[in-house]
mmCIF file of all heavy atoms, coordinates in Angstrom:
data_MODEL
# 
_entry.id   MODEL 
# 
loop_
_atom_site.group_PDB 
_atom_site.id 
_atom_site.type_symbol 
_atom_site.label_atom_id 
_atom_site.label_alt_id 
_atom_site.label_comp_id 
_atom_site.label_asym_id 
_atom_site.label_entity_id 
_atom_site.label_seq_id 
_atom_site.pdbx_PDB_ins_code 
_atom_site.Cartn_x 
_atom_site.Cartn_y 
_atom_site.Cartn_z 
_atom_site.occupancy 
_atom_site.B_iso_or_equiv 
_atom_site.pdbx_formal_charge 
_atom_site.auth_seq_id 
_atom_site.auth_comp_id 
_atom_site.auth_asym_id 
_atom_site.auth_atom_id 
_atom_site.pdbx_PDB_model_num 
ATOM 1   N N   . ILE A 1 1  ? 5.776   70.861 7.921  1.00 0.00 ? 1  ILE A N   1 
ATOM 2   C CA  . ILE A 1 1  ? 5.260   69.819 8.810  1.00 0.00 ? 1  ILE A CA  1 
ATOM 3   C C   . ILE A 1 1  ? 3.757   70.284 9.122  1.00 0.00 ? 1  ILE A C   1 
ATOM 4   O O   . ILE A 1 1  ? 3.447   71.356 9.614  1.00 0.00 ? 1  ILE A O   1 
ATOM 5   C CB  . ILE A 1 1  ? 6.030   69.832 10.141 1.00 0.00 ? 1  ILE A CB  1 
ATOM 6   C CG1 . ILE A 1 1  ? 7.480   69.402 9.802  1.00 0.00 ? 1  ILE A CG1 1 
ATOM 7   C CG2 . ILE A 1 1  ? 5.398   68.822 11.084 1.00 0.00 ? 1  ILE A CG2 1 
ATOM 8   C CD1 . ILE A 1 1  ? 8.343   69.410 11.079 1.00 0.00 ? 1  ILE A CD1 1 
ATOM 9   N N   . ILE A 1 2  ? 2.804   69.372 8.774  1.00 0.00 ? 2  ILE A N   1 
ATOM 10  C CA  . ILE A 1 2  ? 1.421   69.717 8.761  1.00 0.00 ? 2  ILE A CA  1 
ATOM 11  C C   . ILE A 1 2  ? 0.706   68.880 9.847  1.00 0.00 ? 2  ILE A C   1 
ATOM 12  O O   . ILE A 1 2  ? 0.867   67.633 9.905  1.00 0.00 ? 2  ILE A O   1 
ATOM 13  C CB  . ILE A 1 2  ? 0.687   69.370 7.392  1.00 0.00 ? 2  ILE A CB  1 
ATOM 14  C CG1 . ILE A 1 2  ? 1.417   70.174 6.279  1.00 0.00 ? 2  ILE A CG1 1 
ATOM 15  C CG2 . ILE A 1 2  ? -0.769  69.745 7.458  1.00 0.00 ? 2  ILE A CG2 1 
ATOM 16  C CD1 . ILE A 1 2  ? 1.350   71.652 6.438  1.00 0.00 ? 2  ILE A CD1 1 
ATOM 17  N N   . GLU A 1 3  ? -0.049  69.507 10.659 1.00 0.00 ? 3  GLU A N   1 
ATOM 18  C CA  . GLU A 1 3  ? -0.893  68.811 11.659 1.00 0.00 ? 3  GLU A CA  1 
ATOM 19  C C   . GLU A 1 3  ? -2.000  68.091 10.882 1.00 0.00 ? 3  GLU A C   1 
ATOM 20  O O   . GLU A 1 3  ? -2.705  68.601 10.009 1.00 0.00 ? 3  GLU A O   1 
ATOM 21  C CB  . GLU A 1 3  ? -1.453  69.733 12.697 1.00 0.00 ? 3  GLU A CB  1 
ATOM 22  C CG  . GLU A 1 3  ? -0.400  70.419 13.588 1.00 0.00 ? 3  GLU A CG  1 
ATOM 23  C CD  . GLU A 1 3  ? -1.018  71.257 14.609 1.00 0.00 ? 3  GLU A CD  1 
ATOM 24  O OE1 . GLU A 1 3  ? -2.250  71.311 14.721 1.00 0.00 ? 3  GLU A OE1 1 
ATOM 25  O OE2 . GLU A 1 3  ? -0.269  71.856 15.436 1.00 0.00 ? 3  GLU A OE2 1 
ATOM 26  N N   . THR A 1 4  ? -2.286  66.880 11.258 1.00 0.00 ? 4  THR A N   1 
ATOM 27  C CA  . THR A 1 4  ? -3.258  66.065 10.628 1.00 0.00 ? 4  THR A CA  1 
ATOM 28  C C   . THR A 1 4  ? -4.692  66.136 11.159 1.00 0.00 ? 4  THR A C   1 
ATOM 29  O O   . THR A 1 4  ? -5.596  65.544 10.581 1.00 0.00 ? 4  THR A O   1 
ATOM 30  C CB  . THR A 1 4  ? -2.718  64.558 10.653 1.00 0.00 ? 4  THR A CB  1 
ATOM 31  O OG1 . THR A 1 4  ? -2.726  64.052 11.963 1.00 0.00 ? 4  THR A OG1 1 
ATOM 32  C CG2 . THR A 1 4  ? -1.519  64.301 9.890  1.00 0.00 ? 4  THR A CG2 1 
ATOM 33  N N   . ASP A 1 5  ? -4.821  66.748 12.252 1.00 0.00 ? 5  ASP A N   1 
ATOM 34  C CA  . ASP A 1 5  ? -6.188  66.951 12.770 1.00 0.00 ? 5  ASP A CA  1 
ATOM 35  C C   . ASP A 1 5  ? -7.101  67.557 11.913 1.00 0.00 ? 5  ASP A C   1 
ATOM 36  O O   . ASP A 1 5  ? -6.881  68.661 11.449 1.00 0.00 ? 5  ASP A O   1 
ATOM 37  C CB  . ASP A 1 5  ? -6.028  67.686 14.227 1.00 0.00 ? 5  ASP A CB  1 
ATOM 38  C CG  . ASP A 1 5  ? -7.428  67.741 14.931 1.00 0.00 ? 5  ASP A CG  1 
ATOM 39  O OD1 . ASP A 1 5  ? -8.208  66.743 14.746 1.00 0.00 ? 5  ASP A OD1 1 
ATOM 40  O OD2 . ASP A 1 5  ? -7.710  68.755 15.608 1.00 0.00 ? 5  ASP A OD2 1 
ATOM 41  N N   . GLY A 1 6  ? -8.177  66.849 11.584 1.00 0.00 ? 6  GLY A N   1 
ATOM 42  C CA  . GLY A 1 6  ? -9.170  67.407 10.584 1.00 0.00 ? 6  GLY A CA  1 
ATOM 43  C C   . GLY A 1 6  ? -8.888  67.177 9.203  1.00 0.00 ? 6  GLY A C   1 
ATOM 44  O O   . GLY A 1 6  ? -9.571  67.452 8.254  1.00 0.00 ? 6  GLY A O   1 
ATOM 45  N N   . LEU A 1 7  ? -7.659  66.525 8.882  1.00 0.00 ? 7  LEU A N   1 
ATOM 46  C CA  . LEU A 1 7  ? -7.246  66.259 7.549  1.00 0.00 ? 7  LEU A CA  1 
ATOM 47  C C   . LEU A 1 7  ? -7.281  64.723 7.338  1.00 0.00 ? 7  LEU A C   1 
ATOM 48  O O   . LEU A 1 7  ? -7.728  64.280 6.168  1.00 0.00 ? 7  LEU A O   1 
ATOM 49  C CB  . LEU A 1 7  ? -5.858  66.734 7.269  1.00 0.00 ? 7  LEU A CB  1 
ATOM 50  C CG  . LEU A 1 7  ? -5.673  68.139 7.034  1.00 0.00 ? 7  LEU A CG  1 
ATOM 51  C CD1 . LEU A 1 7  ? -4.207  68.524 6.751  1.00 0.00 ? 7  LEU A CD1 1 
ATOM 52  C CD2 . LEU A 1 7  ? -6.431  68.712 5.897  1.00 0.00 ? 7  LEU A CD2 1 
ATOM 53  N N   . LEU A 1 8  ? -6.854  63.909 8.213  1.00 0.00 ? 8  LEU A N   1 
ATOM 54  C CA  . LEU A 1 8  ? -6.747  62.442 8.012  1.00 0.00 ? 8  LEU A CA  1 
ATOM 55  C C   . LEU A 1 8  ? -7.578  61.663 9.029  1.00 0.00 ? 8  LEU A C   1 
ATOM 56  O O   . LEU A 1 8  ? -7.637  61.971 10.206 1.00 0.00 ? 8  LEU A O   1 
ATOM 57  C CB  . LEU A 1 8  ? -5.303  62.045 8.135  1.00 0.00 ? 8  LEU A CB  1 
ATOM 58  C CG  . LEU A 1 8  ? -4.369  62.352 6.963  1.00 0.00 ? 8  LEU A CG  1 
ATOM 59  C CD1 . LEU A 1 8  ? -2.926  62.080 7.378  1.00 0.00 ? 8  LEU A CD1 1 
ATOM 60  C CD2 . LEU A 1 8  ? -4.689  61.589 5.713  1.00 0.00 ? 8  LEU A CD2 1 
ATOM 61  N N   . GLU A 1 9  ? -8.169  60.663 8.503  1.00 0.00 ? 9  GLU A N   1 
ATOM 62  C CA  . GLU A 1 9  ? -8.875  59.692 9.425  1.00 0.00 ? 9  GLU A CA  1 
ATOM 63  C C   . GLU A 1 9  ? -8.441  58.261 9.019  1.00 0.00 ? 9  GLU A C   1 
ATOM 64  O O   . GLU A 1 9  ? -8.405  57.973 7.713  1.00 0.00 ? 9  GLU A O   1 
ATOM 65  C CB  . GLU A 1 9  ? -10.427 59.876 9.287  1.00 0.00 ? 9  GLU A CB  1 
ATOM 66  C CG  . GLU A 1 9  ? -10.892 61.197 9.770  1.00 0.00 ? 9  GLU A CG  1 
ATOM 67  C CD  . GLU A 1 9  ? -12.437 61.289 9.685  1.00 0.00 ? 9  GLU A CD  1 
ATOM 68  O OE1 . GLU A 1 9  ? -13.092 60.353 9.212  1.00 0.00 ? 9  GLU A OE1 1 
ATOM 69  O OE2 . GLU A 1 9  ? -12.955 62.418 9.872  1.00 0.00 ? 9  GLU A OE2 1 
ATOM 70  N N   . PHE A 1 10 ? -8.393  57.388 9.961  1.00 0.00 ? 10 PHE A N   1 
ATOM 71  C CA  . PHE A 1 10 ? -7.967  56.000 9.678  1.00 0.00 ? 10 PHE A CA  1 
ATOM 72  C C   . PHE A 1 10 ? -9.001  55.053 10.345 1.00 0.00 ? 10 PHE A C   1 
ATOM 73  O O   . PHE A 1 10 ? -9.354  55.256 11.460 1.00 0.00 ? 10 PHE A O   1 
ATOM 74  C CB  . PHE A 1 10 ? -6.572  55.741 10.254 1.00 0.00 ? 10 PHE A CB  1 
ATOM 75  C CG  . PHE A 1 10 ? -5.485  56.588 9.732  1.00 0.00 ? 10 PHE A CG  1 
ATOM 76  C CD1 . PHE A 1 10 ? -5.219  57.802 10.417 1.00 0.00 ? 10 PHE A CD1 1 
ATOM 77  C CD2 . PHE A 1 10 ? -4.783  56.281 8.482  1.00 0.00 ? 10 PHE A CD2 1 
ATOM 78  C CE1 . PHE A 1 10 ? -4.157  58.619 9.916  1.00 0.00 ? 10 PHE A CE1 1 
ATOM 79  C CE2 . PHE A 1 10 ? -3.769  57.167 8.011  1.00 0.00 ? 10 PHE A CE2 1 
ATOM 80  C CZ  . PHE A 1 10 ? -3.517  58.343 8.671  1.00 0.00 ? 10 PHE A CZ  1 
ATOM 81  N N   . THR A 1 11 ? -9.323  54.005 9.640  1.00 0.00 ? 11 THR A N   1 
ATOM 82  C CA  . THR A 1 11 ? -10.208 52.963 10.209 1.00 0.00 ? 11 THR A CA  1 
ATOM 83  C C   . THR A 1 11 ? -9.737  51.635 9.777  1.00 0.00 ? 11 THR A C   1 
ATOM 84  O O   . THR A 1 11 ? -9.035  51.572 8.754  1.00 0.00 ? 11 THR A O   1 
ATOM 85  C CB  . THR A 1 11 ? -11.652 53.088 9.697  1.00 0.00 ? 11 THR A CB  1 
ATOM 86  O OG1 . THR A 1 11 ? -11.711 53.032 8.331  1.00 0.00 ? 11 THR A OG1 1 
ATOM 87  C CG2 . THR A 1 11 ? -12.283 54.449 10.155 1.00 0.00 ? 11 THR A CG2 1 
ATOM 88  N N   . ILE A 1 12 ? -9.905  50.627 10.669 1.00 0.00 ? 12 ILE A N   1 
ATOM 89  C CA  . ILE A 1 12 ? -9.674  49.171 10.294 1.00 0.00 ? 12 ILE A CA  1 
ATOM 90  C C   . ILE A 1 12 ? -10.968 48.403 10.416 1.00 0.00 ? 12 ILE A C   1 
ATOM 91  O O   . ILE A 1 12 ? -11.497 48.502 11.535 1.00 0.00 ? 12 ILE A O   1 
ATOM 92  C CB  . ILE A 1 12 ? -8.509  48.649 11.133 1.00 0.00 ? 12 ILE A CB  1 
ATOM 93  C CG1 . ILE A 1 12 ? -7.179  49.334 10.919 1.00 0.00 ? 12 ILE A CG1 1 
ATOM 94  C CG2 . ILE A 1 12 ? -8.449  47.133 10.917 1.00 0.00 ? 12 ILE A CG2 1 
ATOM 95  C CD1 . ILE A 1 12 ? -6.075  48.777 11.803 1.00 0.00 ? 12 ILE A CD1 1 
ATOM 96  N N   . ASN A 1 13 ? -11.335 47.919 9.286  1.00 0.00 ? 13 ASN A N   1 
ATOM 97  C CA  . ASN A 1 13 ? -12.685 47.126 9.356  1.00 0.00 ? 13 ASN A CA  1 
ATOM 98  C C   . ASN A 1 13 ? -13.815 48.072 9.854  1.00 0.00 ? 13 ASN A C   1 
ATOM 99  O O   . ASN A 1 13 ? -14.633 47.551 10.581 1.00 0.00 ? 13 ASN A O   1 
ATOM 100 C CB  . ASN A 1 13 ? -12.593 45.850 10.080 1.00 0.00 ? 13 ASN A CB  1 
ATOM 101 C CG  . ASN A 1 13 ? -11.525 44.973 9.473  1.00 0.00 ? 13 ASN A CG  1 
ATOM 102 O OD1 . ASN A 1 13 ? -11.318 45.009 8.271  1.00 0.00 ? 13 ASN A OD1 1 
ATOM 103 N ND2 . ASN A 1 13 ? -11.026 43.971 10.266 1.00 0.00 ? 13 ASN A ND2 1 
ATOM 104 N N   . GLY A 1 14 ? -13.747 49.373 9.598  1.00 0.00 ? 14 GLY A N   1 
ATOM 105 C CA  . GLY A 1 14 ? -14.781 50.292 10.020 1.00 0.00 ? 14 GLY A CA  1 
ATOM 106 C C   . GLY A 1 14 ? -14.642 50.895 11.392 1.00 0.00 ? 14 GLY A C   1 
ATOM 107 O O   . GLY A 1 14 ? -15.255 51.787 11.780 1.00 0.00 ? 14 GLY A O   1 
ATOM 108 N N   . GLU A 1 15 ? -13.549 50.492 12.196 1.00 0.00 ? 15 GLU A N   1 
ATOM 109 C CA  . GLU A 1 15 ? -13.327 50.915 13.504 1.00 0.00 ? 15 GLU A CA  1 
ATOM 110 C C   . GLU A 1 15 ? -12.202 52.008 13.452 1.00 0.00 ? 15 GLU A C   1 
ATOM 111 O O   . GLU A 1 15 ? -11.186 51.773 12.873 1.00 0.00 ? 15 GLU A O   1 
ATOM 112 C CB  . GLU A 1 15 ? -12.881 49.836 14.453 1.00 0.00 ? 15 GLU A CB  1 
ATOM 113 C CG  . GLU A 1 15 ? -13.969 48.697 14.628 1.00 0.00 ? 15 GLU A CG  1 
ATOM 114 C CD  . GLU A 1 15 ? -15.215 49.165 15.389 1.00 0.00 ? 15 GLU A CD  1 
ATOM 115 O OE1 . GLU A 1 15 ? -15.112 50.271 16.150 1.00 0.00 ? 15 GLU A OE1 1 
ATOM 116 O OE2 . GLU A 1 15 ? -16.239 48.608 15.209 1.00 0.00 ? 15 GLU A OE2 1 
ATOM 117 N N   . THR A 1 16 ? -12.596 53.158 14.002 1.00 0.00 ? 16 THR A N   1 
ATOM 118 C CA  . THR A 1 16 ? -11.596 54.263 13.953 1.00 0.00 ? 16 THR A CA  1 
ATOM 119 C C   . THR A 1 16 ? -10.352 53.918 14.805 1.00 0.00 ? 16 THR A C   1 
ATOM 120 O O   . THR A 1 16 ? -10.478 53.438 15.912 1.00 0.00 ? 16 THR A O   1 
ATOM 121 C CB  . THR A 1 16 ? -12.221 55.577 14.501 1.00 0.00 ? 16 THR A CB  1 
ATOM 122 O OG1 . THR A 1 16 ? -13.318 55.958 13.655 1.00 0.00 ? 16 THR A OG1 1 
ATOM 123 C CG2 . THR A 1 16 ? -11.236 56.712 14.467 1.00 0.00 ? 16 THR A CG2 1 
ATOM 124 N N   . ILE A 1 17 ? -9.194  54.206 14.350 1.00 0.00 ? 17 ILE A N   1 
ATOM 125 C CA  . ILE A 1 17 ? -7.914  54.081 15.122 1.00 0.00 ? 17 ILE A CA  1 
ATOM 126 C C   . ILE A 1 17 ? -7.149  55.418 15.071 1.00 0.00 ? 17 ILE A C   1 
ATOM 127 O O   . ILE A 1 17 ? -7.350  56.216 14.207 1.00 0.00 ? 17 ILE A O   1 
ATOM 128 C CB  . ILE A 1 17 ? -6.983  52.981 14.445 1.00 0.00 ? 17 ILE A CB  1 
ATOM 129 C CG1 . ILE A 1 17 ? -6.610  53.295 13.044 1.00 0.00 ? 17 ILE A CG1 1 
ATOM 130 C CG2 . ILE A 1 17 ? -7.694  51.585 14.505 1.00 0.00 ? 17 ILE A CG2 1 
ATOM 131 C CD1 . ILE A 1 17 ? -5.543  52.431 12.490 1.00 0.00 ? 17 ILE A CD1 1 
ATOM 132 N N   . PRO A 1 18 ? -6.409  55.579 16.046 1.00 0.00 ? 18 PRO A N   1 
ATOM 133 C CA  . PRO A 1 18 ? -5.627  56.923 16.118 1.00 0.00 ? 18 PRO A CA  1 
ATOM 134 C C   . PRO A 1 18 ? -4.554  56.893 15.073 1.00 0.00 ? 18 PRO A C   1 
ATOM 135 O O   . PRO A 1 18 ? -3.952  55.850 14.678 1.00 0.00 ? 18 PRO A O   1 
ATOM 136 C CB  . PRO A 1 18 ? -5.033  56.993 17.526 1.00 0.00 ? 18 PRO A CB  1 
ATOM 137 C CG  . PRO A 1 18 ? -4.955  55.478 17.996 1.00 0.00 ? 18 PRO A CG  1 
ATOM 138 C CD  . PRO A 1 18 ? -6.181  54.819 17.299 1.00 0.00 ? 18 PRO A CD  1 
ATOM 139 N N   . GLY A 1 19 ? -4.258  58.105 14.538 1.00 0.00 ? 19 GLY A N   1 
ATOM 140 C CA  . GLY A 1 19 ? -3.224  58.209 13.490 1.00 0.00 ? 19 GLY A CA  1 
ATOM 141 C C   . GLY A 1 19 ? -2.172  59.250 14.046 1.00 0.00 ? 19 GLY A C   1 
ATOM 142 O O   . GLY A 1 19 ? -2.191  59.711 15.141 1.00 0.00 ? 19 GLY A O   1 
ATOM 143 N N   . PRO A 1 20 ? -1.074  59.476 13.241 1.00 0.00 ? 20 PRO A N   1 
ATOM 144 C CA  . PRO A 1 20 ? -0.034  60.396 13.589 1.00 0.00 ? 20 PRO A CA  1 
ATOM 145 C C   . PRO A 1 20 ? -0.538  61.832 13.738 1.00 0.00 ? 20 PRO A C   1 
ATOM 146 O O   . PRO A 1 20 ? -1.476  62.251 13.039 1.00 0.00 ? 20 PRO A O   1 
ATOM 147 C CB  . PRO A 1 20 ? 0.914   60.249 12.450 1.00 0.00 ? 20 PRO A CB  1 
ATOM 148 C CG  . PRO A 1 20 ? 0.140   59.816 11.311 1.00 0.00 ? 20 PRO A CG  1 
ATOM 149 C CD  . PRO A 1 20 ? -0.970  58.987 11.877 1.00 0.00 ? 20 PRO A CD  1 
ATOM 150 N N   . GLU A 1 21 ? 0.100   62.656 14.577 1.00 0.00 ? 21 GLU A N   1 
ATOM 151 C CA  . GLU A 1 21 ? -0.330  64.028 14.840 1.00 0.00 ? 21 GLU A CA  1 
ATOM 152 C C   . GLU A 1 21 ? 0.057   64.867 13.709 1.00 0.00 ? 21 GLU A C   1 
ATOM 153 O O   . GLU A 1 21 ? -0.448  65.960 13.427 1.00 0.00 ? 21 GLU A O   1 
ATOM 154 C CB  . GLU A 1 21 ? 0.160   64.456 16.142 1.00 0.00 ? 21 GLU A CB  1 
ATOM 155 C CG  . GLU A 1 21 ? -0.479  63.807 17.289 1.00 0.00 ? 21 GLU A CG  1 
ATOM 156 C CD  . GLU A 1 21 ? 0.129   64.228 18.605 1.00 0.00 ? 21 GLU A CD  1 
ATOM 157 O OE1 . GLU A 1 21 ? 1.003   65.213 18.559 1.00 0.00 ? 21 GLU A OE1 1 
ATOM 158 O OE2 . GLU A 1 21 ? -0.395  63.847 19.713 1.00 0.00 ? 21 GLU A OE2 1 
ATOM 159 N N   . THR A 1 22 ? 1.151   64.533 13.010 1.00 0.00 ? 22 THR A N   1 
ATOM 160 C CA  . THR A 1 22 ? 1.707   65.412 11.902 1.00 0.00 ? 22 THR A CA  1 
ATOM 161 C C   . THR A 1 22 ? 2.083   64.531 10.745 1.00 0.00 ? 22 THR A C   1 
ATOM 162 O O   . THR A 1 22 ? 2.272   63.295 10.775 1.00 0.00 ? 22 THR A O   1 
ATOM 163 C CB  . THR A 1 22 ? 2.925   66.228 12.379 1.00 0.00 ? 22 THR A CB  1 
ATOM 164 O OG1 . THR A 1 22 ? 3.956   65.342 12.764 1.00 0.00 ? 22 THR A OG1 1 
ATOM 165 C CG2 . THR A 1 22 ? 2.505   67.090 13.543 1.00 0.00 ? 22 THR A CG2 1 
ATOM 166 N N   . MET A 1 23 ? 2.230   65.180 9.546  1.00 0.00 ? 23 MET A N   1 
ATOM 167 C CA  . MET A 1 23 ? 2.835   64.566 8.444  1.00 0.00 ? 23 MET A CA  1 
ATOM 168 C C   . MET A 1 23 ? 3.860   65.537 7.900  1.00 0.00 ? 23 MET A C   1 
ATOM 169 O O   . MET A 1 23 ? 3.725   66.782 8.085  1.00 0.00 ? 23 MET A O   1 
ATOM 170 C CB  . MET A 1 23 ? 1.852   64.162 7.415  1.00 0.00 ? 23 MET A CB  1 
ATOM 171 C CG  . MET A 1 23 ? 0.890   65.374 6.865  1.00 0.00 ? 23 MET A CG  1 
ATOM 172 S SD  . MET A 1 23 ? -0.259  64.743 5.651  1.00 0.00 ? 23 MET A SD  1 
ATOM 173 C CE  . MET A 1 23 ? -1.024  66.283 5.180  1.00 0.00 ? 23 MET A CE  1 
ATOM 174 N N   . ILE A 1 24 ? 4.939   64.940 7.359  1.00 0.00 ? 24 ILE A N   1 
ATOM 175 C CA  . ILE A 1 24 ? 6.123   65.831 7.028  1.00 0.00 ? 24 ILE A CA  1 
ATOM 176 C C   . ILE A 1 24 ? 6.420   65.824 5.483  1.00 0.00 ? 24 ILE A C   1 
ATOM 177 O O   . ILE A 1 24 ? 6.324   64.779 4.859  1.00 0.00 ? 24 ILE A O   1 
ATOM 178 C CB  . ILE A 1 24 ? 7.388   65.403 7.800  1.00 0.00 ? 24 ILE A CB  1 
ATOM 179 C CG1 . ILE A 1 24 ? 8.544   66.403 7.438  1.00 0.00 ? 24 ILE A CG1 1 
ATOM 180 C CG2 . ILE A 1 24 ? 7.748   63.970 7.449  1.00 0.00 ? 24 ILE A CG2 1 
ATOM 181 C CD1 . ILE A 1 24 ? 9.733   66.167 8.427  1.00 0.00 ? 24 ILE A CD1 1 
# 
């Protein structure tokens, strides 16, 4: 189970949106 902070970023039409805290 990996923390996504610093690994993943998500944007919609250039606007940043929050993503999940972990990936499994």
